Amino acid sequence: MPVVSQPVGGPDLAQVRRIVSEIPGPRSRELLARQRTSVPAGVGAVLPVFVEAAGGGVIVDVDGNSFIDFGSGIAVTTVGNSAPAVAGRAAAQLRRFTHTCFLVNPYESYLDVCEKLNELAPVPGEKRTILVNSGAEAVENAVKIARAATGRPGIVVFDHAFHGRTLLTMSLTAKNKPYKQGFGPFAPEVHRAPMAYPYRWPTGPVRCAEEAAYALADLLDRQVGAENVAAVLVEPIQGEGGFVVPAPGFLSSVANICRARGILLIVDEIQAGIARTGRMFACEHEGIQPDLITTAKGLAGGLPLGAVTGRAELMDAVAAGGLGGTFSGNPVACEAALGVFEEIEAHGLMERAREIGETMLEHLGELADAYSVIGDVRGRGAMIAVELVEPEGDRVPAPDLAARVARRCHAEGLLVLTAGSYGNVLRFLPALSISDALLKEGLTVLGEAIAQELD
């Protein structure tokens, strides 16, 4: 059975779907055996094949199988695995120095990234940015900043939200299993409001935005007390919650409700941001100007980097020493982030995201017309999902079907991810470097997998 020997990664990798072994193959099974004796069982994998190379729109495993990648490391490699500007800048920085700690000896690339985010983020007025290590850390720091600036403890989040796996961000996250089960007690002063989820709103999508906004205002005024709330935290498109795009007008209502009560608005752009949806930030589709905005995932092209960008007077409310961390804003990750912005600008990747979205929505819409189990098709840009439901019944979630379709896709050389509070959503996050041919081939594989599972 052929095995790839040190394949060329990045954009030079052959852009083909190729299955030459069972999945996982023999070499991956050897490595999985080692994993079971060295890594806790709580660390799993969607597709348990070990990667040898990746780039463009494919991942190649150690057995020589080449998969079309509709996952992008969960929206991380938005500009592609090992994009030239990202890899080149990071490699050059590695030769200069790997670390000094910005809190000990600063370096210019940290400032360059902060200035770029300040320039791009749709936050009103003068801005400041802090760099951190991850999305969860970005959310934690945004909450710290909001509490310091307002002197209030409360944070309001939404149903179906996901904000991370640390103690505070688990508390902010809605779904119990697998994220929260057995890990309590959780952080206090977290309150939850209904999300304007059009497909599952009890009275239907037409009244969804208005009724969800009323429920938020009622929670703030009657249950919690607006004077006790530092911030409302919302994803402009929910990620792990199932790529829920809030009903039109809901996000602007949230912003108005916050503004009227002196509550800060934090927008979590960790999965949806950095060109993924066809705009630099997904909240721009609704014209939202948050007080604080968090980014990570796609920010540094695969290197660990997160950020909080916010109004200067809020960011400066934290006393010296109250923000930062040993590895936060590592110089190699900063250079990689600058490479991400170069790739987006040089190759028109926001327009490319919109093109990918149009292709996916058209193809998935045709599948929805053909198969009643596709209850909803939604998303923006290269962040699209289908929600699967039982063929009989009123929008009954079909998590088993979603899992079977995903496994069949994997066996046929297409990496897809599941999501959603009910586990019944297939989400698609192709890199913006994927070719039209691979994108359409992947969608064809998906359609065949659904058809075969329903046969």
Protein backbone atom coordinates (compact mmCIF):
# COMPACT_ATOMS: atom_id res chain seq x y z
CA MET A 1 0.00 0.00 0.00
CA PRO A 2 1.61 3.32 -1.03
CA VAL A 3 2.79 5.65 1.69
CA VAL A 4 3.62 9.32 1.25
CA SER A 5 7.24 9.98 2.16
CA GLN A 6 7.78 13.53 3.35
CA PRO A 7 5.31 15.16 0.96
CA VAL A 8 5.71 18.82 0.12
CA GLY A 9 3.26 20.81 2.22
CA GLY A 10 1.66 24.18 1.76
CA PRO A 11 0.47 25.40 -1.63
CA ASP A 12 2.75 22.97 -3.52
CA LEU A 13 0.90 19.93 -2.19
CA ALA A 14 -1.02 17.99 -4.85
CA GLN A 15 -4.65 19.14 -4.66
CA VAL A 16 -6.37 15.78 -5.04
CA ARG A 17 -8.71 13.56 -3.06
CA ARG A 18 -7.12 10.14 -2.76
CA ILE A 19 -7.92 7.15 -0.53
CA VAL A 20 -5.33 4.36 -0.69
CA SER A 21 -5.98 2.56 2.61
CA GLU A 22 -8.74 1.85 5.04
CA ILE A 23 -9.45 4.78 7.35
CA PRO A 24 -7.55 4.98 9.64
CA GLY A 25 -4.68 3.28 7.83
CA PRO A 26 -2.02 1.02 9.35
CA ARG A 27 0.46 3.75 10.23
CA SER A 28 -2.26 5.90 11.81
CA ARG A 29 -3.42 2.88 13.82
CA GLU A 30 0.11 2.41 15.14
CA LEU A 31 0.17 6.03 16.26
CA LEU A 32 -3.31 5.75 17.78
CA ALA A 33 -2.06 2.84 19.88
CA ARG A 34 0.74 5.08 21.16
CA GLN A 35 -1.78 7.86 21.80
CA ARG A 36 -3.89 5.61 24.01
CA THR A 37 -0.92 4.98 26.31
CA SER A 38 0.37 8.56 26.41
CA VAL A 39 -2.61 10.94 26.03
CA PRO A 40 -5.74 11.05 28.23
CA ALA A 41 -8.94 9.54 26.87
CA GLY A 42 -10.60 12.95 27.16
CA VAL A 43 -8.58 14.14 24.15
CA GLY A 44 -10.32 12.76 21.08
CA ALA A 45 -10.20 13.34 17.32
CA VAL A 46 -12.93 13.85 14.74
CA LEU A 47 -10.98 11.97 12.07
CA PRO A 48 -8.29 9.82 13.77
CA VAL A 49 -5.66 9.91 11.03
CA PHE A 50 -2.25 11.41 11.68
CA VAL A 51 -1.29 14.26 9.37
CA GLU A 52 1.88 14.30 7.33
CA ALA A 53 1.27 17.42 5.26
CA ALA A 54 -1.46 19.94 4.50
CA GLY A 55 -2.02 22.88 2.21
CA GLY A 56 -4.38 24.51 -0.24
CA GLY A 57 -7.54 22.53 0.39
CA VAL A 58 -6.21 19.09 1.40
CA ILE A 59 -4.76 17.16 4.31
CA VAL A 60 -2.45 14.17 3.64
CA ASP A 61 -2.08 11.50 6.31
CA VAL A 62 0.85 9.23 7.16
CA ASP A 63 -0.64 6.43 5.05
CA GLY A 64 -0.81 8.54 1.90
CA ASN A 65 -4.53 9.32 2.01
CA SER A 66 -5.43 12.82 0.83
CA PHE A 67 -8.61 14.39 2.25
CA ILE A 68 -10.50 17.43 1.05
CA ASP A 69 -10.48 19.65 4.13
CA PHE A 70 -13.80 21.26 5.08
CA GLY A 71 -12.62 21.83 8.66
CA SER A 72 -9.55 24.11 8.53
CA GLY A 73 -8.53 23.05 12.03
CA ILE A 74 -11.90 24.43 13.24
CA ALA A 75 -11.66 27.73 11.32
CA VAL A 76 -7.98 28.27 12.13
CA THR A 77 -6.21 27.80 8.78
CA THR A 78 -8.50 30.24 6.99
CA VAL A 79 -5.76 31.40 4.61
CA GLY A 80 -4.55 27.82 4.13
CA ASN A 81 -2.13 25.52 5.92
CA SER A 82 1.38 26.94 5.67
CA ALA A 83 0.39 29.91 3.51
CA PRO A 84 3.61 31.45 2.11
CA ALA A 85 3.40 34.79 3.93
CA VAL A 86 2.53 33.08 7.22
CA ALA A 87 5.25 30.42 6.99
CA GLY A 88 7.85 32.84 5.67
CA ARG A 89 7.35 35.44 8.37
CA ALA A 90 7.23 32.84 11.15
CA ALA A 91 10.38 31.10 9.88
CA ALA A 92 12.28 34.38 9.69
CA GLN A 93 11.24 35.25 13.26
CA LEU A 94 12.35 31.83 14.51
CA ARG A 95 15.82 32.62 13.24
CA ARG A 96 15.88 35.96 15.06
CA PHE A 97 14.49 34.88 18.46
CA THR A 98 11.62 32.72 19.71
CA HIS A 99 10.61 34.56 22.86
CA THR A 100 11.44 37.34 25.28
CA CYS A 101 8.01 37.88 26.91
CA PHE A 102 6.44 41.17 25.89
CA LEU A 103 6.03 42.01 29.59
CA VAL A 104 9.82 41.87 30.01
CA ASN A 105 11.27 43.00 26.68
CA PRO A 106 8.77 44.29 24.08
CA TYR A 107 9.14 43.81 20.31
CA GLU A 108 7.68 45.66 17.35
CA SER A 109 5.61 42.87 15.79
CA TYR A 110 3.29 42.88 18.83
CA LEU A 111 2.59 46.55 18.14
CA ASP A 112 2.13 45.87 14.42
CA VAL A 113 -0.60 43.29 15.11
CA CYS A 114 -2.34 45.53 17.66
CA GLU A 115 -2.27 48.49 15.27
CA LYS A 116 -3.68 46.37 12.46
CA LEU A 117 -6.54 45.08 14.63
CA ASN A 118 -7.22 48.63 15.87
CA GLU A 119 -7.42 49.74 12.25
CA LEU A 120 -9.76 46.96 11.16
CA ALA A 121 -12.05 46.29 14.14
CA PRO A 122 -15.51 47.93 13.94
CA VAL A 123 -15.16 49.34 17.46
CA PRO A 124 -16.02 53.06 17.65
CA GLY A 125 -13.49 55.72 18.56
CA GLU A 126 -9.92 55.32 19.71
CA LYS A 127 -8.97 51.67 20.25
CA ARG A 128 -6.48 49.50 22.09
CA THR A 129 -5.64 45.79 21.68
CA ILE A 130 -4.13 43.17 23.96
CA LEU A 131 -2.70 39.91 22.60
CA VAL A 132 -3.20 36.57 24.37
CA ASN A 133 -2.76 32.87 23.61
CA SER A 134 -6.21 31.55 22.71
CA GLY A 135 -9.87 32.28 22.18
CA ALA A 136 -10.83 31.27 25.70
CA GLU A 137 -8.15 33.55 27.10
CA ALA A 138 -9.42 36.39 24.91
CA VAL A 139 -12.93 35.96 26.29
CA GLU A 140 -11.63 35.78 29.87
CA ASN A 141 -9.75 39.04 29.39
CA ALA A 142 -12.71 40.75 27.72
CA VAL A 143 -14.81 39.90 30.79
CA LYS A 144 -12.06 41.16 33.10
CA ILE A 145 -11.87 44.43 31.19
CA ALA A 146 -15.65 44.87 31.17
CA ARG A 147 -15.88 44.28 34.92
CA ALA A 148 -12.99 46.62 35.66
CA ALA A 149 -14.40 49.37 33.46
CA THR A 150 -17.98 49.19 34.78
CA GLY A 151 -17.53 48.02 38.35
CA ARG A 152 -20.32 45.50 37.74
CA PRO A 153 -20.09 41.69 38.04
CA GLY A 154 -22.80 40.29 35.74
CA ILE A 155 -22.28 38.80 32.29
CA VAL A 156 -25.19 37.83 30.03
CA VAL A 157 -24.72 35.17 27.36
CA PHE A 158 -27.06 33.20 25.10
CA ASP A 159 -28.49 29.75 24.52
CA HIS A 160 -26.34 27.58 22.21
CA ALA A 161 -23.26 29.72 22.96
CA PHE A 162 -19.73 28.36 23.08
CA HIS A 163 -16.95 30.52 24.48
CA GLY A 164 -14.24 28.08 25.60
CA ARG A 165 -13.13 25.35 28.01
CA THR A 166 -11.62 27.26 30.94
CA LEU A 167 -13.63 27.62 34.15
CA LEU A 168 -15.12 31.00 33.27
CA THR A 169 -15.65 30.22 29.59
CA MET A 170 -17.23 26.85 30.44
CA SER A 171 -19.60 28.84 32.63
CA LEU A 172 -20.40 31.06 29.65
CA THR A 173 -20.86 28.07 27.33
CA ALA A 174 -24.38 26.65 27.02
CA LYS A 175 -23.89 22.98 26.12
CA ASN A 176 -23.33 20.56 28.97
CA LYS A 177 -21.82 17.48 27.30
CA PRO A 178 -18.98 17.20 26.54
CA TYR A 179 -17.86 20.67 27.62
CA LYS A 180 -19.17 21.05 31.19
CA GLN A 181 -20.24 17.66 32.53
CA GLY A 182 -18.43 16.87 35.78
CA PHE A 183 -16.38 20.07 35.84
CA GLY A 184 -18.49 22.24 38.17
CA PRO A 185 -19.07 24.26 40.24
CA PHE A 186 -18.93 27.06 37.71
CA ALA A 187 -18.23 30.77 37.91
CA PRO A 188 -21.05 32.92 39.35
CA GLU A 189 -22.79 35.98 37.90
CA VAL A 190 -23.40 34.40 34.47
CA HIS A 191 -26.94 34.76 33.11
CA ARG A 192 -28.40 33.25 29.94
CA ALA A 193 -30.90 34.66 27.45
CA PRO A 194 -32.59 32.99 24.47
CA MET A 195 -30.76 33.20 21.14
CA ALA A 196 -32.71 34.40 18.11
CA TYR A 197 -32.42 31.02 16.35
CA PRO A 198 -34.79 31.36 13.38
CA TYR A 199 -35.14 27.66 12.52
CA ARG A 200 -36.04 26.68 16.08
CA TRP A 201 -37.84 29.78 17.38
CA PRO A 202 -41.17 28.58 18.87
CA THR A 203 -43.38 31.10 17.03
CA GLY A 204 -41.42 30.97 13.77
CA PRO A 205 -38.69 33.06 12.14
CA VAL A 206 -40.77 36.18 11.40
CA ARG A 207 -41.16 37.18 15.05
CA CYS A 208 -37.87 35.68 16.19
CA ALA A 209 -35.72 38.83 16.41
CA GLU A 210 -38.37 40.91 18.15
CA GLU A 211 -39.32 38.28 20.71
CA ALA A 212 -35.71 37.32 21.49
CA ALA A 213 -34.83 40.99 22.02
CA TYR A 214 -37.80 41.37 24.37
CA ALA A 215 -36.65 38.32 26.32
CA LEU A 216 -33.17 39.82 26.69
CA ALA A 217 -34.52 43.16 27.91
CA ASP A 218 -36.83 41.39 30.34
CA LEU A 219 -33.94 39.33 31.72
CA LEU A 220 -31.85 42.45 32.22
CA ASP A 221 -34.55 44.61 33.76
CA ARG A 222 -36.63 42.16 35.76
CA GLN A 223 -34.45 39.18 36.70
CA VAL A 224 -30.85 40.39 36.94
CA GLY A 225 -31.01 44.16 37.19
CA ALA A 226 -29.29 46.05 34.39
CA GLU A 227 -27.26 47.99 36.95
CA ASN A 228 -25.58 44.71 37.92
CA VAL A 229 -24.54 43.71 34.39
CA ALA A 230 -21.10 44.58 33.03
CA ALA A 231 -21.56 43.15 29.54
CA VAL A 232 -23.63 41.13 27.12
CA LEU A 233 -21.47 38.64 25.22
CA VAL A 234 -22.66 37.34 21.86
CA GLU A 235 -21.32 35.45 18.83
CA PRO A 236 -22.42 37.13 15.57
CA ILE A 237 -22.66 33.60 14.16
CA GLN A 238 -22.66 30.89 16.78
CA GLY A 239 -19.90 28.35 16.19
CA GLU A 240 -20.14 25.14 18.22
CA GLY A 241 -23.81 25.94 18.75
CA GLY A 242 -24.47 25.02 15.12
CA PHE A 243 -23.58 28.03 12.96
CA VAL A 244 -26.74 29.80 14.08
CA VAL A 245 -27.09 33.10 12.24
CA PRO A 246 -29.24 35.31 14.47
CA ALA A 247 -32.47 36.56 12.93
CA PRO A 248 -31.95 39.83 10.99
CA GLY A 249 -32.15 42.82 13.30
CA PHE A 250 -31.50 40.88 16.49
CA LEU A 251 -27.86 41.93 16.91
CA SER A 252 -28.70 45.60 16.36
CA SER A 253 -31.47 45.28 18.97
CA VAL A 254 -28.97 43.75 21.40
CA ALA A 255 -26.63 46.68 20.79
CA ASN A 256 -29.43 49.19 21.39
CA ILE A 257 -30.59 47.42 24.55
CA CYS A 258 -27.05 47.50 25.93
CA ARG A 259 -26.49 51.12 24.99
CA ALA A 260 -29.72 52.25 26.66
CA ARG A 261 -28.70 50.58 29.93
CA GLY A 262 -25.00 51.44 30.05
CA ILE A 263 -24.07 47.80 29.48
CA LEU A 264 -21.04 46.92 27.35
CA LEU A 265 -21.41 44.77 24.25
CA ILE A 266 -18.72 42.13 23.69
CA VAL A 267 -18.76 40.39 20.30
CA ASP A 268 -17.01 37.00 20.18
CA GLU A 269 -15.51 36.74 16.67
CA ILE A 270 -13.21 33.85 17.52
CA GLN A 271 -14.68 31.42 14.96
CA ALA A 272 -16.41 33.83 12.58
CA GLY A 273 -13.79 36.57 12.36
CA ILE A 274 -10.71 37.29 10.23
CA ALA A 275 -12.32 37.16 6.75
CA ARG A 276 -14.13 33.84 7.29
CA THR A 277 -17.62 35.17 6.47
CA GLY A 278 -16.67 37.51 3.64
CA ARG A 279 -16.08 40.49 5.91
CA MET A 280 -13.14 40.90 8.25
CA PHE A 281 -15.58 40.57 11.17
CA ALA A 282 -18.96 38.86 10.97
CA CYS A 283 -20.69 41.57 13.02
CA GLU A 284 -20.04 43.98 10.12
CA HIS A 285 -22.79 42.22 8.14
CA GLU A 286 -25.27 43.72 10.63
CA GLY A 287 -23.48 47.06 11.05
CA ILE A 288 -22.70 46.38 14.72
CA GLN A 289 -20.10 48.46 16.60
CA PRO A 290 -19.24 46.56 19.80
CA ASP A 291 -17.39 48.00 22.76
CA LEU A 292 -15.04 44.98 22.86
CA ILE A 293 -14.30 42.32 20.26
CA THR A 294 -12.43 39.03 20.68
CA THR A 295 -10.47 37.20 17.98
CA ALA A 296 -8.31 34.06 17.79
CA LYS A 297 -8.48 30.92 15.58
CA GLY A 298 -7.86 32.37 12.09
CA LEU A 299 -5.81 35.27 13.45
CA ALA A 300 -2.36 33.66 13.15
CA GLY A 301 -2.84 30.95 10.55
CA GLY A 302 -2.34 28.04 12.93
CA LEU A 303 -0.09 29.54 15.59
CA PRO A 304 -1.64 30.23 19.02
CA LEU A 305 -2.73 33.85 19.22
CA GLY A 306 -5.84 35.60 20.46
CA ALA A 307 -6.75 39.24 20.98
CA VAL A 308 -9.13 41.64 22.64
CA THR A 309 -9.72 44.92 20.84
CA GLY A 310 -11.81 47.61 22.50
CA ARG A 311 -12.56 51.24 23.17
CA ALA A 312 -9.47 52.91 24.59
CA GLU A 313 -11.13 54.15 27.79
CA LEU A 314 -12.32 50.62 28.58
CA MET A 315 -9.03 48.91 27.81
CA ASP A 316 -7.14 51.48 29.88
CA ALA A 317 -9.41 50.93 32.89
CA VAL A 318 -7.33 47.94 34.00
CA ALA A 319 -4.39 48.80 36.25
CA ALA A 320 -0.83 48.10 35.09
CA GLY A 321 -0.03 44.41 35.51
CA GLY A 322 -3.68 43.38 35.33
CA LEU A 323 -3.39 42.13 31.75
CA GLY A 324 -0.84 39.95 30.00
CA GLY A 325 0.82 36.56 30.26
CA THR A 326 4.14 34.82 29.79
CA PHE A 327 3.51 33.65 26.22
CA SER A 328 0.86 36.20 25.25
CA GLY A 329 1.64 37.77 21.88
CA ASN A 330 4.58 35.47 21.19
CA PRO A 331 6.78 37.03 18.46
CA VAL A 332 6.53 34.04 16.11
CA ALA A 333 2.73 34.08 16.37
CA CYS A 334 2.70 37.84 15.81
CA GLU A 335 4.68 37.49 12.59
CA ALA A 336 2.33 34.72 11.48
CA ALA A 337 -0.64 37.03 12.09
CA LEU A 338 0.94 39.74 9.98
CA GLY A 339 1.34 37.09 7.29
CA VAL A 340 -2.38 36.28 7.55
CA PHE A 341 -3.28 39.91 6.89
CA GLU A 342 -0.87 39.97 3.94
CA GLU A 343 -2.49 36.87 2.44
CA ILE A 344 -6.01 38.30 2.87
CA GLU A 345 -5.08 41.57 1.18
CA ALA A 346 -2.85 40.17 -1.54
CA HIS A 347 -5.28 37.50 -2.72
CA GLY A 348 -8.64 39.17 -2.14
CA LEU A 349 -9.67 36.50 0.33
CA MET A 350 -12.74 38.27 1.65
CA GLU A 351 -14.19 38.22 -1.85
CA ARG A 352 -13.06 34.61 -2.14
CA ALA A 353 -14.99 33.78 1.06
CA ARG A 354 -18.13 35.25 -0.47
CA GLU A 355 -17.61 33.20 -3.65
CA ILE A 356 -17.18 30.01 -1.62
CA GLY A 357 -20.35 30.82 0.31
CA GLU A 358 -22.36 31.33 -2.87
CA THR A 359 -21.16 27.98 -4.26
CA MET A 360 -21.92 26.11 -1.05
CA LEU A 361 -25.33 27.69 -0.52
CA GLU A 362 -26.39 26.94 -4.09
CA HIS A 363 -25.28 23.30 -3.93
CA LEU A 364 -26.61 22.70 -0.41
CA GLY A 365 -29.90 24.34 -1.33
CA GLU A 366 -30.29 21.82 -4.13
CA LEU A 367 -29.58 19.01 -1.68
CA ALA A 368 -32.17 20.44 0.72
CA ASP A 369 -34.74 20.40 -2.07
CA ALA A 370 -33.90 16.75 -2.74
CA TYR A 371 -33.72 15.49 0.87
CA SER A 372 -36.23 16.45 3.55
CA VAL A 373 -33.73 15.51 6.26
CA ILE A 374 -31.91 18.77 5.53
CA GLY A 375 -34.07 21.02 7.65
CA ASP A 376 -32.02 24.19 7.34
CA VAL A 377 -29.10 25.57 5.32
CA ARG A 378 -27.44 28.61 6.85
CA GLY A 379 -24.27 30.62 7.27
CA ARG A 380 -22.20 33.32 5.63
CA GLY A 381 -19.15 33.14 3.41
CA ALA A 382 -16.99 30.10 4.06
CA MET A 383 -18.89 29.34 7.28
CA ILE A 384 -21.90 27.28 6.19
CA ALA A 385 -23.89 24.48 7.82
CA VAL A 386 -26.81 22.15 7.30
CA GLU A 387 -29.07 21.03 10.13
CA LEU A 388 -30.28 17.45 9.81
CA VAL A 389 -33.66 16.35 11.12
CA GLU A 390 -35.65 13.15 11.18
CA PRO A 391 -37.70 12.50 8.03
CA GLU A 392 -40.83 12.14 10.16
CA GLY A 393 -41.73 14.72 12.78
CA ASP A 394 -41.50 18.46 13.29
CA ARG A 395 -37.82 19.46 13.14
CA VAL A 396 -36.75 16.56 15.36
CA PRO A 397 -32.93 16.65 15.53
CA ALA A 398 -31.12 13.74 13.82
CA PRO A 399 -27.70 13.51 15.53
CA ASP A 400 -27.19 9.85 14.59
CA LEU A 401 -27.73 10.65 10.92
CA ALA A 402 -25.27 13.56 11.15
CA ALA A 403 -22.66 11.27 12.70
CA ARG A 404 -23.18 8.60 10.05
CA VAL A 405 -22.95 11.07 7.18
CA ALA A 406 -19.77 12.54 8.67
CA ARG A 407 -18.18 9.09 9.00
CA ARG A 408 -19.11 8.20 5.43
CA CYS A 409 -17.60 11.48 4.19
CA HIS A 410 -14.41 10.71 6.10
CA ALA A 411 -14.20 7.24 4.55
CA GLU A 412 -14.57 8.80 1.10
CA GLY A 413 -11.88 11.44 1.64
CA LEU A 414 -13.83 14.50 2.85
CA LEU A 415 -13.24 15.95 6.31
CA VAL A 416 -16.40 17.50 7.76
CA LEU A 417 -17.22 18.51 11.32
CA THR A 418 -20.38 18.16 13.35
CA ALA A 419 -21.75 20.80 15.71
CA GLY A 420 -24.92 22.06 17.34
CA SER A 421 -26.59 21.83 20.72
CA TYR A 422 -28.29 18.66 19.50
CA GLY A 423 -25.27 17.28 17.60
CA ASN A 424 -27.24 17.31 14.35
CA VAL A 425 -25.41 19.98 12.36
CA LEU A 426 -22.78 19.40 9.69
CA ARG A 427 -20.58 22.47 9.44
CA PHE A 428 -18.25 23.41 6.60
CA LEU A 429 -15.18 25.62 7.04
CA PRO A 430 -13.01 25.24 3.93
CA ALA A 431 -9.83 27.26 3.69
CA LEU A 432 -10.13 30.31 1.47
CA SER A 433 -7.25 28.83 -0.54
CA ILE A 434 -9.34 25.85 -1.68
CA SER A 435 -9.85 25.49 -5.44
CA ASP A 436 -13.28 25.57 -7.03
CA ALA A 437 -12.71 22.02 -8.28
CA LEU A 438 -11.98 20.65 -4.79
CA LEU A 439 -14.85 22.61 -3.25
CA LYS A 440 -17.37 21.22 -5.72
CA GLU A 441 -15.93 17.71 -5.46
CA GLY A 442 -16.31 17.86 -1.68
CA LEU A 443 -19.93 18.96 -1.99
CA THR A 444 -20.56 16.08 -4.39
CA VAL A 445 -19.08 13.62 -1.88
CA LEU A 446 -21.34 15.10 0.79
CA GLY A 447 -24.44 14.66 -1.39
CA GLU A 448 -23.53 11.06 -2.14
CA ALA A 449 -22.96 10.35 1.56
CA ILE A 450 -26.41 11.68 2.46
CA ALA A 451 -28.00 9.67 -0.32
CA GLN A 452 -26.24 6.48 0.74
CA GLU A 453 -27.20 6.90 4.40
CA LEU A 454 -30.85 7.36 3.42
CA ASP A 455 -30.87 4.43 0.98
